C-alpha atoms as a PDB file:
ATOM      1  CA  MET A   1     118.546 232.243  89.389  1.00  0.00           C
ATOM      2  CA  ASN A   2     115.771 235.194  89.235  1.00  0.00           C
ATOM      3  CA  PRO A   3     115.325 236.045  85.606  1.00  0.00           C
ATOM      4  CA  ASN A   4     114.836 240.038  86.808  1.00  0.00           C
ATOM      5  CA  ASP A   5     118.035 239.878  88.622  1.00  0.00           C
ATOM      6  CA  THR A   6     119.863 238.746  85.398  1.00  0.00           C
ATOM      7  CA  ALA A   7     118.037 241.665  83.262  1.00  0.00           C
ATOM      8  CA  VAL A   8     119.440 243.904  86.008  1.00  0.00           C
ATOM      9  CA  ALA A   9     122.601 242.882  85.673  1.00  0.00           C
ATOM     10  CA  ILE A  10     123.037 243.107  82.012  1.00  0.00           C
ATOM     11  CA  SER A  11     121.494 246.026  81.951  1.00  0.00           C
ATOM     12  CA  THR A  12     123.841 247.608  84.720  1.00  0.00           C
ATOM     13  CA  VAL A  13     126.785 246.667  82.379  1.00  0.00           C
ATOM     14  CA  GLY A  14     125.304 247.955  79.192  1.00  0.00           C
ATOM     15  CA  TYR A  15     124.599 251.390  81.080  1.00  0.00           C
ATOM     16  CA  HIS A  16     128.369 251.522  81.797  1.00  0.00           C
ATOM     17  CA  GLU A  17     129.380 250.134  78.443  1.00  0.00           C
ATOM     18  CA  LEU A  18     126.743 252.803  76.964  1.00  0.00           C
ATOM     19  CA  PHE A  19     128.009 255.962  78.517  1.00  0.00           C
ATOM     20  CA  THR A  20     131.730 254.966  77.843  1.00  0.00           C
ATOM     21  CA  PHE A  21     130.886 255.122  74.224  1.00  0.00           C
ATOM     22  CA  PHE A  22     129.110 257.951  74.092  1.00  0.00           C
ATOM     23  CA  ALA A  23     131.564 259.926  75.984  1.00  0.00           C
ATOM     24  CA  MET A  24     133.903 258.492  73.287  1.00  0.00           C
ATOM     25  CA  VAL A  25     131.654 259.680  70.359  1.00  0.00           C
ATOM     26  CA  ILE A  26     131.279 262.872  72.065  1.00  0.00           C
ATOM     27  CA  ALA A  27     135.308 263.737  72.176  1.00  0.00           C
ATOM     28  CA  PHE A  28     135.704 262.360  68.802  1.00  0.00           C
ATOM     29  CA  CYS A  29     133.218 265.036  67.768  1.00  0.00           C
ATOM     30  CA  ALA A  30     134.666 267.729  69.388  1.00  0.00           C
ATOM     31  CA  GLY A  31     138.147 266.933  68.140  1.00  0.00           C
ATOM     32  CA  ALA A  32     136.919 266.366  64.768  1.00  0.00           C
ATOM     33  CA  PHE A  33     134.190 268.986  63.794  1.00  0.00           C
ATOM     34  CA  PHE A  34     134.559 271.772  66.595  1.00  0.00           C
ATOM     35  CA  LEU A  35     138.943 271.665  66.911  1.00  0.00           C
ATOM     36  CA  LYS A  36     139.130 270.830  63.391  1.00  0.00           C
ATOM     37  CA  LEU A  37     142.141 267.938  64.447  1.00  0.00           C
ATOM     38  CA  PRO A  38     143.096 265.228  61.931  1.00  0.00           C
ATOM     39  CA  ILE A  39     140.726 262.504  61.948  1.00  0.00           C
ATOM     40  CA  GLY A  40     143.499 260.113  63.108  1.00  0.00           C
ATOM     41  CA  VAL A  41     144.546 262.209  66.365  1.00  0.00           C
ATOM     42  CA  ALA A  42     140.179 263.014  66.915  1.00  0.00           C
ATOM     43  CA  LEU A  43     140.314 259.007  67.111  1.00  0.00           C
ATOM     44  CA  VAL A  44     143.551 258.773  69.882  1.00  0.00           C
ATOM     45  CA  ILE A  45     141.832 261.075  71.705  1.00  0.00           C
ATOM     46  CA  GLY A  46     138.364 259.502  71.562  1.00  0.00           C
ATOM     47  CA  SER A  47     140.169 255.720  72.295  1.00  0.00           C
ATOM     48  CA  LEU A  48     141.997 258.226  75.215  1.00  0.00           C
ATOM     49  CA  VAL A  49     138.564 259.488  76.707  1.00  0.00           C
ATOM     50  CA  GLY A  50     137.299 255.794  76.491  1.00  0.00           C
ATOM     51  CA  VAL A  51     140.399 254.190  78.833  1.00  0.00           C
ATOM     52  CA  VAL A  52     139.790 256.829  81.368  1.00  0.00           C
ATOM     53  CA  VAL A  53     135.965 256.798  81.555  1.00  0.00           C
ATOM     54  CA  GLY A  54     136.092 252.954  81.560  1.00  0.00           C
ATOM     55  CA  GLY A  55     138.338 252.664  84.396  1.00  0.00           C
ATOM     56  CA  TYR A  56     141.714 251.906  82.954  1.00  0.00           C
ATOM     57  CA  VAL A  57     143.547 255.404  83.821  1.00  0.00           C
ATOM     58  CA  PHE A  58     146.830 253.718  83.193  1.00  0.00           C
ATOM     59  CA  PRO A  59     146.443 250.800  81.060  1.00  0.00           C
ATOM     60  CA  LEU A  60     150.118 251.323  80.018  1.00  0.00           C
ATOM     61  CA  PRO A  61     151.220 247.399  79.344  1.00  0.00           C
ATOM     62  CA  GLU A  62     147.501 246.616  78.221  1.00  0.00           C
ATOM     63  CA  LEU A  63     148.488 249.705  75.510  1.00  0.00           C
ATOM     64  CA  MET A  64     151.648 248.703  74.426  1.00  0.00           C
ATOM     65  CA  ARG A  65     150.328 244.976  74.108  1.00  0.00           C
ATOM     66  CA  HIS A  66     148.221 246.017  71.471  1.00  0.00           C
ATOM     67  CA  LEU A  67     150.282 249.111  69.517  1.00  0.00           C
ATOM     68  CA  VAL A  68     152.709 246.268  68.975  1.00  0.00           C
ATOM     69  CA  GLU A  69     150.432 243.411  68.079  1.00  0.00           C
ATOM     70  CA  GLY A  70     147.761 245.855  65.715  1.00  0.00           C
ATOM     71  CA  MET A  71     151.269 247.162  64.292  1.00  0.00           C
ATOM     72  CA  PHE A  72     152.181 243.614  63.495  1.00  0.00           C
ATOM     73  CA  ALA A  73     149.065 242.358  62.488  1.00  0.00           C
ATOM     74  CA  TYR A  74     148.525 244.331  59.705  1.00  0.00           C
ATOM     75  CA  LEU A  75     152.679 244.947  58.681  1.00  0.00           C
ATOM     76  CA  ASP A  76     151.692 243.382  55.560  1.00  0.00           C
ATOM     77  CA  PRO A  77     149.298 245.611  54.110  1.00  0.00           C
ATOM     78  CA  ILE A  78     151.517 248.389  54.935  1.00  0.00           C
ATOM     79  CA  MET A  79     154.522 247.109  53.330  1.00  0.00           C
ATOM     80  CA  ILE A  80     152.644 246.320  49.865  1.00  0.00           C
ATOM     81  CA  ILE A  81     150.881 250.039  50.476  1.00  0.00           C
ATOM     82  CA  ALA A  82     153.908 251.918  51.199  1.00  0.00           C
ATOM     83  CA  SER A  83     156.031 250.300  48.446  1.00  0.00           C
ATOM     84  CA  ALA A  84     152.877 250.671  45.947  1.00  0.00           C
ATOM     85  CA  THR A  85     153.212 254.627  47.019  1.00  0.00           C
ATOM     86  CA  ILE A  86     156.801 254.895  45.970  1.00  0.00           C
ATOM     87  CA  PHE A  87     156.430 253.097  42.402  1.00  0.00           C
ATOM     88  CA  MET A  88     153.734 255.277  41.526  1.00  0.00           C
ATOM     89  CA  TYR A  89     155.837 258.803  42.843  1.00  0.00           C
ATOM     90  CA  ILE A  90     158.407 257.376  40.890  1.00  0.00           C
ATOM     91  CA  ILE A  91     156.501 256.509  37.370  1.00  0.00           C
ATOM     92  CA  GLU A  92     154.731 259.894  37.902  1.00  0.00           C
ATOM     93  CA  ARG A  93     157.868 262.060  38.540  1.00  0.00           C
ATOM     94  CA  ASN A  94     159.953 260.239  35.733  1.00  0.00           C
ATOM     95  CA  GLY A  95     156.843 260.731  33.049  1.00  0.00           C
ATOM     96  CA  LEU A  96     155.631 257.006  32.888  1.00  0.00           C
ATOM     97  CA  LEU A  97     152.168 257.811  33.990  1.00  0.00           C
ATOM     98  CA  GLY A  98     151.813 260.800  31.774  1.00  0.00           C
ATOM     99  CA  ALA A  99     152.951 258.698  28.781  1.00  0.00           C
ATOM    100  CA  LEU A 100     150.944 255.835  29.525  1.00  0.00           C
ATOM    101  CA  ALA A 101     147.599 257.972  29.828  1.00  0.00           C
ATOM    102  CA  ASN A 102     149.304 260.061  26.706  1.00  0.00           C
ATOM    103  CA  TRP A 103     149.417 256.584  24.611  1.00  0.00           C
ATOM    104  CA  LEU A 104     146.106 254.848  25.576  1.00  0.00           C
ATOM    105  CA  VAL A 105     143.879 258.107  25.077  1.00  0.00           C
ATOM    106  CA  ARG A 106     145.888 258.671  21.213  1.00  0.00           C
ATOM    107  CA  SER A 107     145.714 255.021  20.240  1.00  0.00           C
ATOM    108  CA  PHE A 108     142.087 255.136  20.534  1.00  0.00           C
ATOM    109  CA  ALA A 109     141.084 258.592  19.864  1.00  0.00           C
ATOM    110  CA  SER A 110     139.265 257.861  16.723  1.00  0.00           C
ATOM    111  CA  ILE A 111     136.744 255.689  18.710  1.00  0.00           C
ATOM    112  CA  PRO A 112     134.408 257.110  21.696  1.00  0.00           C
ATOM    113  CA  VAL A 113     133.800 253.794  22.564  1.00  0.00           C
ATOM    114  CA  LEU A 114     137.461 252.273  23.162  1.00  0.00           C
ATOM    115  CA  LEU A 115     138.688 256.121  24.045  1.00  0.00           C
ATOM    116  CA  LEU A 116     136.176 256.279  27.328  1.00  0.00           C
ATOM    117  CA  ALA A 117     137.486 252.817  28.267  1.00  0.00           C
ATOM    118  CA  ALA A 118     141.188 253.395  27.825  1.00  0.00           C
ATOM    119  CA  VAL A 119     140.201 257.005  29.850  1.00  0.00           C
ATOM    120  CA  THR A 120     138.790 254.126  32.121  1.00  0.00           C
ATOM    121  CA  PHE A 121     141.658 252.137  32.884  1.00  0.00           C
ATOM    122  CA  ALA A 122     144.060 255.216  32.727  1.00  0.00           C
ATOM    123  CA  ILE A 123     142.061 256.786  35.789  1.00  0.00           C
ATOM    124  CA  MET A 124     142.163 253.258  37.310  1.00  0.00           C
ATOM    125  CA  PHE A 125     145.466 252.787  36.920  1.00  0.00           C
ATOM    126  CA  PRO A 126     147.004 254.392  40.028  1.00  0.00           C
ATOM    127  CA  GLY A 127     144.242 253.211  42.261  1.00  0.00           C
ATOM    128  CA  MET A 128     144.899 249.625  41.528  1.00  0.00           C
ATOM    129  CA  LEU A 129     148.709 249.441  42.160  1.00  0.00           C
ATOM    130  CA  THR A 130     148.263 252.039  45.310  1.00  0.00           C
ATOM    131  CA  GLY A 131     145.038 251.071  46.513  1.00  0.00           C
ATOM    132  CA  SER A 132     143.949 254.640  47.193  1.00  0.00           C
ATOM    133  CA  SER A 133     140.922 256.223  45.092  1.00  0.00           C
ATOM    134  CA  THR A 134     142.524 259.362  45.824  1.00  0.00           C
ATOM    135  CA  ALA A 135     145.809 258.561  44.178  1.00  0.00           C
ATOM    136  CA  ALA A 136     143.875 257.603  41.273  1.00  0.00           C
ATOM    137  CA  VAL A 137     141.989 261.075  41.165  1.00  0.00           C
ATOM    138  CA  LEU A 138     144.781 263.538  42.066  1.00  0.00           C
ATOM    139  CA  THR A 139     147.186 261.916  39.206  1.00  0.00           C
ATOM    140  CA  THR A 140     145.688 260.370  36.134  1.00  0.00           C
ATOM    141  CA  GLY A 141     142.007 261.934  36.561  1.00  0.00           C
ATOM    142  CA  ALA A 142     143.522 265.305  36.618  1.00  0.00           C
ATOM    143  CA  LEU A 143     145.131 264.343  33.600  1.00  0.00           C
ATOM    144  CA  MET A 144     142.012 262.888  32.045  1.00  0.00           C
ATOM    145  CA  ALA A 145     139.282 265.840  33.121  1.00  0.00           C
ATOM    146  CA  PRO A 146     140.398 267.899  30.012  1.00  0.00           C
ATOM    147  CA  VAL A 147     139.928 264.977  27.819  1.00  0.00           C
ATOM    148  CA  LEU A 148     136.682 264.183  28.951  1.00  0.00           C
ATOM    149  CA  ARG A 149     135.461 267.716  28.515  1.00  0.00           C
ATOM    150  CA  CYS A 150     137.277 267.883  25.190  1.00  0.00           C
ATOM    151  CA  LEU A 151     134.397 264.811  23.956  1.00  0.00           C
ATOM    152  CA  GLY A 152     131.815 267.275  25.259  1.00  0.00           C
ATOM    153  CA  ILE A 153     130.678 265.361  28.579  1.00  0.00           C
ATOM    154  CA  PRO A 154     129.408 268.263  31.197  1.00  0.00           C
ATOM    155  CA  ARG A 155     131.478 268.879  34.152  1.00  0.00           C
ATOM    156  CA  ALA A 156     128.828 266.912  36.458  1.00  0.00           C
ATOM    157  CA  GLN A 157     129.247 263.547  34.329  1.00  0.00           C
ATOM    158  CA  THR A 158     133.098 264.080  34.093  1.00  0.00           C
ATOM    159  CA  GLY A 159     133.605 264.245  37.708  1.00  0.00           C
ATOM    160  CA  ALA A 160     130.938 261.149  38.222  1.00  0.00           C
ATOM    161  CA  ILE A 161     133.185 259.428  35.507  1.00  0.00           C
ATOM    162  CA  ILE A 162     136.301 259.983  37.649  1.00  0.00           C
ATOM    163  CA  ALA A 163     135.459 259.523  40.841  1.00  0.00           C
ATOM    164  CA  LEU A 164     133.735 255.938  39.723  1.00  0.00           C
ATOM    165  CA  ALA A 165     136.689 255.083  37.996  1.00  0.00           C
ATOM    166  CA  ALA A 166     139.010 255.806  40.674  1.00  0.00           C
ATOM    167  CA  LEU A 167     136.845 254.038  43.114  1.00  0.00           C
ATOM    168  CA  TYR A 168     136.803 250.783  40.790  1.00  0.00           C
ATOM    169  CA  GLY A 169     140.482 251.310  41.038  1.00  0.00           C
ATOM    170  CA  MET A 170     140.818 251.429  44.456  1.00  0.00           C
ATOM    171  CA  THR A 171     139.124 247.878  44.562  1.00  0.00           C
ATOM    172  CA  ALA A 172     140.347 245.902  41.363  1.00  0.00           C
ATOM    173  CA  PRO A 173     143.892 243.762  41.783  1.00  0.00           C
ATOM    174  CA  PRO A 174     146.767 243.689  42.232  1.00  0.00           C
ATOM    175  CA  VAL A 175     146.155 245.945  45.563  1.00  0.00           C
ATOM    176  CA  ASN A 176     142.738 245.928  47.484  1.00  0.00           C
ATOM    177  CA  ILE A 177     143.151 247.495  50.496  1.00  0.00           C
ATOM    178  CA  PRO A 178     139.651 246.137  52.178  1.00  0.00           C
ATOM    179  CA  ALA A 179     141.078 242.794  51.276  1.00  0.00           C
ATOM    180  CA  LEU A 180     144.081 243.423  52.448  1.00  0.00           C
ATOM    181  CA  ILE A 181     142.952 244.386  56.382  1.00  0.00           C
ATOM    182  CA  ILE A 182     140.179 241.202  56.439  1.00  0.00           C
ATOM    183  CA  GLY A 183     143.007 239.112  55.298  1.00  0.00           C
ATOM    184  CA  ALA A 184     145.150 240.114  57.789  1.00  0.00           C
ATOM    185  CA  GLY A 185     142.237 239.938  60.814  1.00  0.00           C
ATOM    186  CA  ILE A 186     141.117 236.334  59.802  1.00  0.00           C
ATOM    187  CA  ASP A 187     144.968 235.225  59.279  1.00  0.00           C
ATOM    188  CA  LEU A 188     143.525 234.313  55.230  1.00  0.00           C
ATOM    189  CA  PRO A 189     146.878 235.309  53.083  1.00  0.00           C
ATOM    190  CA  TYR A 190     145.990 237.362  49.639  1.00  0.00           C
ATOM    191  CA  VAL A 191     146.437 234.798  47.631  1.00  0.00           C
ATOM    192  CA  GLY A 192     144.245 233.982  44.415  1.00  0.00           C
ATOM    193  CA  MET A 193     142.016 236.937  44.705  1.00  0.00           C
ATOM    194  CA  ASP A 194     143.527 238.663  41.318  1.00  0.00           C
ATOM    195  CA  LEU A 195     140.640 237.159  38.968  1.00  0.00           C
ATOM    196  CA  PRO A 196     137.476 237.699  41.501  1.00  0.00           C
ATOM    197  CA  LEU A 197     138.551 241.404  42.024  1.00  0.00           C
ATOM    198  CA  LEU A 198     138.789 241.784  38.353  1.00  0.00           C
ATOM    199  CA  VAL A 199     135.741 240.722  37.684  1.00  0.00           C
ATOM    200  CA  LEU A 200     134.042 242.770  39.885  1.00  0.00           C
ATOM    201  CA  SER A 201     135.400 246.072  39.672  1.00  0.00           C
ATOM    202  CA  VAL A 202     136.408 246.244  35.633  1.00  0.00           C
ATOM    203  CA  PRO A 203     133.284 245.404  34.078  1.00  0.00           C
ATOM    204  CA  LEU A 204     131.463 247.732  36.462  1.00  0.00           C
ATOM    205  CA  ALA A 205     134.206 250.650  35.647  1.00  0.00           C
ATOM    206  CA  LEU A 206     133.470 250.726  32.136  1.00  0.00           C
ATOM    207  CA  CYS A 207     129.623 250.450  32.158  1.00  0.00           C
ATOM    208  CA  ALA A 208     129.655 253.557  34.147  1.00  0.00           C
ATOM    209  CA  THR A 209     131.825 255.257  32.438  1.00  0.00           C
ATOM    210  CA  TRP A 210     129.692 254.679  28.860  1.00  0.00           C
ATOM    211  CA  TYR A 211     126.579 255.061  30.693  1.00  0.00           C
ATOM    212  CA  LEU A 212     127.662 258.674  32.201  1.00  0.00           C
ATOM    213  CA  GLY A 213     129.340 259.538  29.279  1.00  0.00           C
ATOM    214  CA  LEU A 214     128.609 258.106  25.691  1.00  0.00           C
ATOM    215  CA  PRO A 215     125.386 260.010  25.438  1.00  0.00           C
ATOM    216  CA  HIS A 216     127.488 263.291  25.280  1.00  0.00           C
ATOM    217  CA  CYS A 217     130.593 262.015  23.321  1.00  0.00           C
ATOM    218  CA  LYS A 218     131.643 263.405  20.237  1.00  0.00           C
ATOM    219  CA  LYS A 219     134.036 261.957  18.187  1.00  0.00           C
ATOM    220  CA  VAL A 220     137.356 264.543  17.955  1.00  0.00           C
ATOM    221  CA  SER A 221     140.638 264.141  15.940  1.00  0.00           C
ATOM    222  CA  PRO A 222     143.535 262.693  17.540  1.00  0.00           C
ATOM    223  CA  LYS A 223     144.966 266.842  17.179  1.00  0.00           C
ATOM    224  CA  GLU A 224     142.663 268.149  19.399  1.00  0.00           C
ATOM    225  CA  ILE A 225     142.823 264.777  21.902  1.00  0.00           C
ATOM    226  CA  LYS A 226     146.491 265.847  22.048  1.00  0.00           C
ATOM    227  CA  SER A 227     146.043 269.531  22.695  1.00  0.00           C
ATOM    228  CA  HIS A 228     144.279 268.475  26.006  1.00  0.00           C
ATOM    229  CA  LEU A 229     146.492 266.368  27.132  1.00  0.00           C
ATOM    230  CA  LYS A 230     149.583 268.106  29.014  1.00  0.00           C
ATOM    231  CA  THR A 231     151.369 265.204  30.636  1.00  0.00           C
ATOM    232  CA  PRO A 232     155.492 264.904  31.265  1.00  0.00           C
ATOM    233  CA  ALA A 233     157.185 262.910  28.409  1.00  0.00           C
ATOM    234  CA  ALA A 234     154.580 262.342  26.358  1.00  0.00           C
ATOM    235  CA  ASP A 235     156.641 262.962  23.191  1.00  0.00           C
ATOM    236  CA  GLY A 236     158.202 259.535  23.684  1.00  0.00           C
ATOM    237  CA  SER A 237     161.701 261.212  23.764  1.00  0.00           C
ATOM    238  CA  TYR A 238     162.836 258.322  26.139  1.00  0.00           C
ATOM    239  CA  PRO A 239     162.945 254.914  24.911  1.00  0.00           C
ATOM    240  CA  PHE A 240     163.010 252.751  28.207  1.00  0.00           C
ATOM    241  CA  LEU A 241     160.387 255.001  29.426  1.00  0.00           C
ATOM    242  CA  PHE A 242     157.922 251.994  29.844  1.00  0.00           C
ATOM    243  CA  LEU A 243     160.651 250.160  31.097  1.00  0.00           C
ATOM    244  CA  PRO A 244     159.902 249.748  34.691  1.00  0.00           C
ATOM    245  CA  LEU A 245     155.769 248.655  33.601  1.00  0.00           C
ATOM    246  CA  VAL A 246     157.126 245.948  31.809  1.00  0.00           C
ATOM    247  CA  VAL A 247     159.136 244.647  35.173  1.00  0.00           C
ATOM    248  CA  LEU A 248     156.561 244.909  37.165  1.00  0.00           C
ATOM    249  CA  ILE A 249     153.906 243.177  34.693  1.00  0.00           C
ATOM    250  CA  ILE A 250     156.786 240.591  34.115  1.00  0.00           C
ATOM    251  CA  LEU A 251     157.093 239.772  37.908  1.00  0.00           C
ATOM    252  CA  LEU A 252     153.795 240.073  38.422  1.00  0.00           C
ATOM    253  CA  LEU A 253     152.760 237.376  36.240  1.00  0.00           C
ATOM    254  CA  GLY A 254     155.839 235.273  37.334  1.00  0.00           C
ATOM    255  CA  GLU A 255     154.728 234.899  41.037  1.00  0.00           C
ATOM    256  CA  ARG A 256     151.431 234.097  39.470  1.00  0.00           C
ATOM    257  CA  PHE A 257     152.052 231.353  37.425  1.00  0.00           C
ATOM    258  CA  TYR A 258     155.935 230.260  38.652  1.00  0.00           C
ATOM    259  CA  PRO A 259     155.564 231.202  42.690  1.00  0.00           C
ATOM    260  CA  ASN A 260     158.379 228.551  43.106  1.00  0.00           C
ATOM    261  CA  VAL A 261     160.846 231.137  40.713  1.00  0.00           C
ATOM    262  CA  PHE A 262     159.332 234.072  41.689  1.00  0.00           C
ATOM    263  CA  MET A 263     159.171 233.954  45.383  1.00  0.00           C
ATOM    264  CA  LEU A 264     159.515 238.211  46.047  1.00  0.00           C
ATOM    265  CA  GLY A 265     156.158 238.985  47.483  1.00  0.00           C
ATOM    266  CA  LEU A 266     154.339 242.488  46.237  1.00  0.00           C
ATOM    267  CA  PRO A 267     156.686 244.718  48.408  1.00  0.00           C
ATOM    268  CA  MET A 268     159.557 243.337  46.528  1.00  0.00           C
ATOM    269  CA  ILE A 269     158.073 243.474  43.466  1.00  0.00           C
ATOM    270  CA  PHE A 270     156.960 247.336  43.885  1.00  0.00           C
ATOM    271  CA  LEU A 271     160.049 248.334  44.866  1.00  0.00           C
ATOM    272  CA  LEU A 272     161.817 246.314  42.184  1.00  0.00           C
ATOM    273  CA  SER A 273     160.117 248.053  39.457  1.00  0.00           C
ATOM    274  CA  ALA A 274     160.416 251.649  41.597  1.00  0.00           C
ATOM    275  CA  VAL A 275     164.316 251.151  41.457  1.00  0.00           C
ATOM    276  CA  VAL A 276     164.226 250.280  37.528  1.00  0.00           C
ATOM    277  CA  GLY A 277     162.079 253.752  37.045  1.00  0.00           C
ATOM    278  CA  LEU A 278     165.177 255.657  38.818  1.00  0.00           C
ATOM    279  CA  PHE A 279     167.239 255.285  36.060  1.00  0.00           C
ATOM    280  CA  THR A 280     164.540 255.752  33.141  1.00  0.00           C
ATOM    281  CA  GLY A 281     162.852 258.584  32.057  1.00  0.00           C
ATOM    282  CA  ALA A 282     163.123 261.948  33.473  1.00  0.00           C
ATOM    283  CA  PRO A 283     165.345 262.423  36.265  1.00  0.00           C
ATOM    284  CA  VAL A 284     163.234 261.977  39.869  1.00  0.00           C
ATOM    285  CA  LYS A 285     163.857 264.376  42.866  1.00  0.00           C
ATOM    286  CA  PHE A 286     162.648 263.046  46.279  1.00  0.00           C
ATOM    287  CA  LEU A 287     163.413 266.073  48.194  1.00  0.00           C
ATOM    288  CA  THR A 288     162.170 270.272  46.044  1.00  0.00           C
ATOM    289  CA  VAL A 289     162.641 273.213  47.974  1.00  0.00           C
ATOM    290  CA  SER A 290     160.385 275.770  46.853  1.00  0.00           C
ATOM    291  CA  ARG A 291     161.706 279.209  46.297  1.00  0.00           C
ATOM    292  CA  GLU A 292     159.863 282.250  46.538  1.00  0.00           C
END
């Protein structure tokens, strides 16, 4: 076979695929940047344009096959993320999350190094359970921002500390969304990754916080720290407030060290802990109607 003919054939196929790719990119950019559509909707529009330009105008059976296979391929990560999000919502509403952040900060208020470590852990905690850095920033990140400012840390460094701690919390165990997706894609069970993820995330988070915060940190009294902590259920009036967190830790450790006894899985563990949270702390209201 003539090598020139082969090159022409390859280039012909490449031009068609390249044209389809650029059509998808243009459609996505038009939807996301010009029409201001959500990113997910813009991606769907780009995919549909690629289907039409590629010559598959009515690929309904193929689309249905990919839809079903795609949903079930990532069913495990979706269940873990959804159940962890429910748990985080409940412990935020019943006051446990605020009380945990309050206890960590007040326990180490007199030692700046340990106080910054406690603030880092408090910011990381929601990301560790949900796999979402956004959840960490919007929950404990917002609670810890006044504390960092009270320590004398400038605004820029405060924002950087919160952002990095939330990012490292997203990569820490027990829930790491990228690792879950990779495991689902290559048919690898999400087992035995806790220690490596812990080693790769927690030391870096602490070093980043200390590097950014310690040069500006000053000693403050526990009373001054308390004045900057506006958290629900911080007065310790609920004796069983931390029970959902205790149940969560026991079930996670039980599944880790006694897998033949605790055969629940992460979704069931998060849901059971969330149910316990409904009966501890402040009442949780799922449906709230604002009256103006």
